Amino acid sequence: MNQKIRKTIGIYSILLGISVIATWAVILTSGTIAEGRIELGFHLYAEFAMAVICLVSGVMLLNNRP
């Protein structure tokens, strides 16, 4: 894969992961959640898992790791 493309995808992935975490931080601190406890738990797990995967994959792409 082209180095410029890897860098672009890596930066985008990191920004996406940070954005998801920041969005949920704002939502959770505002206290306006329309979901039940169980639904919220599953939703948060899925979103934070995705955010962590995005962050890790972005860093790995920027460090040229397979």
N, C-alpha and C. Protein backbone atom coordinates (compact mmCIF):
# COMPACT_ATOMS: atom_id res chain seq x y z
N MET A 1 0.85 -1.18 0.00
CA MET A 1 0.00 0.00 0.00
C MET A 1 0.89 1.24 0.00
N ASN A 2 0.48 2.22 -0.72
CA ASN A 2 1.21 3.48 -0.83
C ASN A 2 1.36 4.13 0.56
N GLN A 3 2.53 4.68 0.85
CA GLN A 3 2.80 5.28 2.16
C GLN A 3 1.87 6.46 2.46
N LYS A 4 1.55 7.26 1.45
CA LYS A 4 0.66 8.40 1.66
C LYS A 4 -0.75 7.94 2.02
N ILE A 5 -1.20 6.87 1.39
CA ILE A 5 -2.52 6.32 1.69
C ILE A 5 -2.55 5.75 3.10
N ARG A 6 -1.49 5.03 3.49
CA ARG A 6 -1.41 4.48 4.86
C ARG A 6 -1.48 5.60 5.90
N LYS A 7 -0.76 6.69 5.64
CA LYS A 7 -0.74 7.81 6.59
C LYS A 7 -2.12 8.46 6.68
N THR A 8 -2.78 8.65 5.54
CA THR A 8 -4.10 9.26 5.52
C THR A 8 -5.11 8.39 6.27
N ILE A 9 -5.10 7.09 6.01
CA ILE A 9 -6.02 6.18 6.68
C ILE A 9 -5.72 6.12 8.17
N GLY A 10 -4.44 6.12 8.54
CA GLY A 10 -4.05 6.09 9.95
C GLY A 10 -4.54 7.31 10.70
N ILE A 11 -4.36 8.48 10.12
CA ILE A 11 -4.81 9.72 10.76
C ILE A 11 -6.32 9.74 10.87
N TYR A 12 -7.01 9.34 9.80
CA TYR A 12 -8.47 9.31 9.83
C TYR A 12 -8.97 8.35 10.90
N SER A 13 -8.35 7.20 11.01
CA SER A 13 -8.76 6.21 12.00
C SER A 13 -8.59 6.74 13.42
N ILE A 14 -7.47 7.40 13.68
CA ILE A 14 -7.23 7.98 15.00
C ILE A 14 -8.25 9.07 15.30
N LEU A 15 -8.50 9.94 14.35
CA LEU A 15 -9.49 11.00 14.55
C LEU A 15 -10.89 10.44 14.79
N LEU A 16 -11.23 9.37 14.09
CA LEU A 16 -12.53 8.73 14.29
C LEU A 16 -12.65 8.16 15.70
N GLY A 17 -11.63 7.48 16.17
CA GLY A 17 -11.65 6.92 17.52
C GLY A 17 -11.76 8.00 18.58
N ILE A 18 -11.01 9.09 18.43
CA ILE A 18 -11.08 10.20 19.38
C ILE A 18 -12.46 10.86 19.34
N SER A 19 -13.02 11.00 18.15
CA SER A 19 -14.34 11.62 18.01
C SER A 19 -15.43 10.81 18.70
N VAL A 20 -15.38 9.50 18.57
CA VAL A 20 -16.38 8.65 19.21
C VAL A 20 -16.29 8.77 20.73
N ILE A 21 -15.08 8.72 21.26
CA ILE A 21 -14.90 8.85 22.70
C ILE A 21 -15.35 10.22 23.19
N ALA A 22 -15.00 11.28 22.46
CA ALA A 22 -15.40 12.64 22.85
C ALA A 22 -16.92 12.81 22.80
N THR A 23 -17.54 12.25 21.77
CA THR A 23 -19.00 12.35 21.66
C THR A 23 -19.68 11.70 22.85
N TRP A 24 -19.23 10.50 23.22
CA TRP A 24 -19.85 9.82 24.36
C TRP A 24 -19.54 10.52 25.67
N ALA A 25 -18.39 11.14 25.78
CA ALA A 25 -18.08 11.90 27.00
C ALA A 25 -19.06 13.05 27.16
N VAL A 26 -19.36 13.74 26.07
CA VAL A 26 -20.33 14.84 26.14
C VAL A 26 -21.72 14.31 26.45
N ILE A 27 -22.13 13.24 25.79
CA ILE A 27 -23.47 12.68 26.02
C ILE A 27 -23.63 12.21 27.46
N LEU A 28 -22.62 11.51 27.98
CA LEU A 28 -22.73 10.98 29.34
C LEU A 28 -22.68 12.07 30.40
N THR A 29 -21.94 13.13 30.15
CA THR A 29 -21.87 14.20 31.15
C THR A 29 -23.09 15.12 31.09
N SER A 30 -23.79 15.15 29.95
CA SER A 30 -24.97 16.01 29.85
C SER A 30 -26.18 15.40 30.55
N GLY A 31 -26.19 14.08 30.66
CA GLY A 31 -27.29 13.41 31.37
C GLY A 31 -28.55 13.25 30.55
N THR A 32 -28.50 13.45 29.26
CA THR A 32 -29.70 13.31 28.42
C THR A 32 -29.61 12.02 27.61
N ILE A 33 -29.81 10.91 28.27
CA ILE A 33 -29.72 9.61 27.63
C ILE A 33 -31.11 8.99 27.58
N ALA A 34 -31.55 8.62 26.39
CA ALA A 34 -32.90 8.09 26.20
C ALA A 34 -32.94 6.57 26.16
N GLU A 35 -31.83 5.91 26.47
CA GLU A 35 -31.78 4.46 26.42
C GLU A 35 -31.88 3.88 27.82
N GLY A 36 -32.31 2.61 27.89
CA GLY A 36 -32.32 1.90 29.17
C GLY A 36 -30.91 1.51 29.56
N ARG A 37 -30.77 1.00 30.77
CA ARG A 37 -29.44 0.67 31.29
C ARG A 37 -28.77 -0.44 30.49
N ILE A 38 -29.51 -1.49 30.19
CA ILE A 38 -28.93 -2.63 29.47
C ILE A 38 -28.57 -2.22 28.04
N GLU A 39 -29.50 -1.54 27.38
CA GLU A 39 -29.23 -1.09 26.02
C GLU A 39 -28.04 -0.15 25.98
N LEU A 40 -27.97 0.75 26.94
CA LEU A 40 -26.86 1.70 27.01
C LEU A 40 -25.54 0.96 27.22
N GLY A 41 -25.55 -0.04 28.07
CA GLY A 41 -24.34 -0.81 28.32
C GLY A 41 -23.82 -1.48 27.06
N PHE A 42 -24.71 -2.14 26.32
CA PHE A 42 -24.30 -2.78 25.07
C PHE A 42 -23.83 -1.75 24.05
N HIS A 43 -24.54 -0.64 23.98
CA HIS A 43 -24.19 0.42 23.03
C HIS A 43 -22.81 1.00 23.36
N LEU A 44 -22.57 1.30 24.63
CA LEU A 44 -21.28 1.84 25.04
C LEU A 44 -20.14 0.84 24.78
N TYR A 45 -20.39 -0.43 25.07
CA TYR A 45 -19.37 -1.45 24.83
C TYR A 45 -19.00 -1.49 23.35
N ALA A 46 -20.00 -1.51 22.48
CA ALA A 46 -19.75 -1.57 21.04
C ALA A 46 -19.01 -0.32 20.55
N GLU A 47 -19.44 0.84 21.00
CA GLU A 47 -18.83 2.09 20.55
C GLU A 47 -17.39 2.22 21.04
N PHE A 48 -17.14 1.90 22.32
CA PHE A 48 -15.79 2.02 22.84
C PHE A 48 -14.86 0.96 22.28
N ALA A 49 -15.39 -0.23 22.01
CA ALA A 49 -14.57 -1.27 21.36
C ALA A 49 -14.15 -0.79 19.97
N MET A 50 -15.09 -0.22 19.23
CA MET A 50 -14.77 0.30 17.91
C MET A 50 -13.75 1.43 18.00
N ALA A 51 -13.91 2.31 18.97
CA ALA A 51 -12.99 3.44 19.13
C ALA A 51 -11.57 2.96 19.43
N VAL A 52 -11.45 1.98 20.30
CA VAL A 52 -10.13 1.44 20.64
C VAL A 52 -9.50 0.76 19.43
N ILE A 53 -10.29 0.00 18.69
CA ILE A 53 -9.78 -0.65 17.48
C ILE A 53 -9.32 0.39 16.47
N CYS A 54 -10.07 1.46 16.31
CA CYS A 54 -9.67 2.54 15.39
C CYS A 54 -8.37 3.18 15.84
N LEU A 55 -8.24 3.46 17.12
CA LEU A 55 -7.02 4.08 17.63
C LEU A 55 -5.81 3.18 17.43
N VAL A 56 -5.95 1.92 17.79
CA VAL A 56 -4.83 0.98 17.67
C VAL A 56 -4.44 0.78 16.21
N SER A 57 -5.43 0.60 15.34
CA SER A 57 -5.12 0.38 13.93
C SER A 57 -4.50 1.63 13.31
N GLY A 58 -4.96 2.80 13.71
CA GLY A 58 -4.37 4.04 13.20
C GLY A 58 -2.92 4.19 13.60
N VAL A 59 -2.62 3.90 14.84
CA VAL A 59 -1.23 3.99 15.32
C VAL A 59 -0.37 2.95 14.61
N MET A 60 -0.90 1.74 14.44
CA MET A 60 -0.13 0.71 13.75
C MET A 60 0.14 1.08 12.29
N LEU A 61 -0.84 1.69 11.64
CA LEU A 61 -0.61 2.12 10.26
C LEU A 61 0.45 3.20 10.18
N LEU A 62 0.42 4.14 11.11
CA LEU A 62 1.41 5.22 11.10
C LEU A 62 2.82 4.70 11.43
N ASN A 63 2.90 3.61 12.19
CA ASN A 63 4.20 3.02 12.54
C ASN A 63 4.65 1.94 11.57
N ASN A 64 3.92 1.80 10.45
CA ASN A 64 4.24 0.81 9.41
C ASN A 64 4.26 -0.63 9.92
N ARG A 65 3.38 -0.95 10.82
CA ARG A 65 3.25 -2.33 11.28
C ARG A 65 2.14 -3.02 10.50
N PRO A 66 2.33 -4.28 10.21
CA PRO A 66 1.28 -5.00 9.45
C PRO A 66 0.07 -5.31 10.30
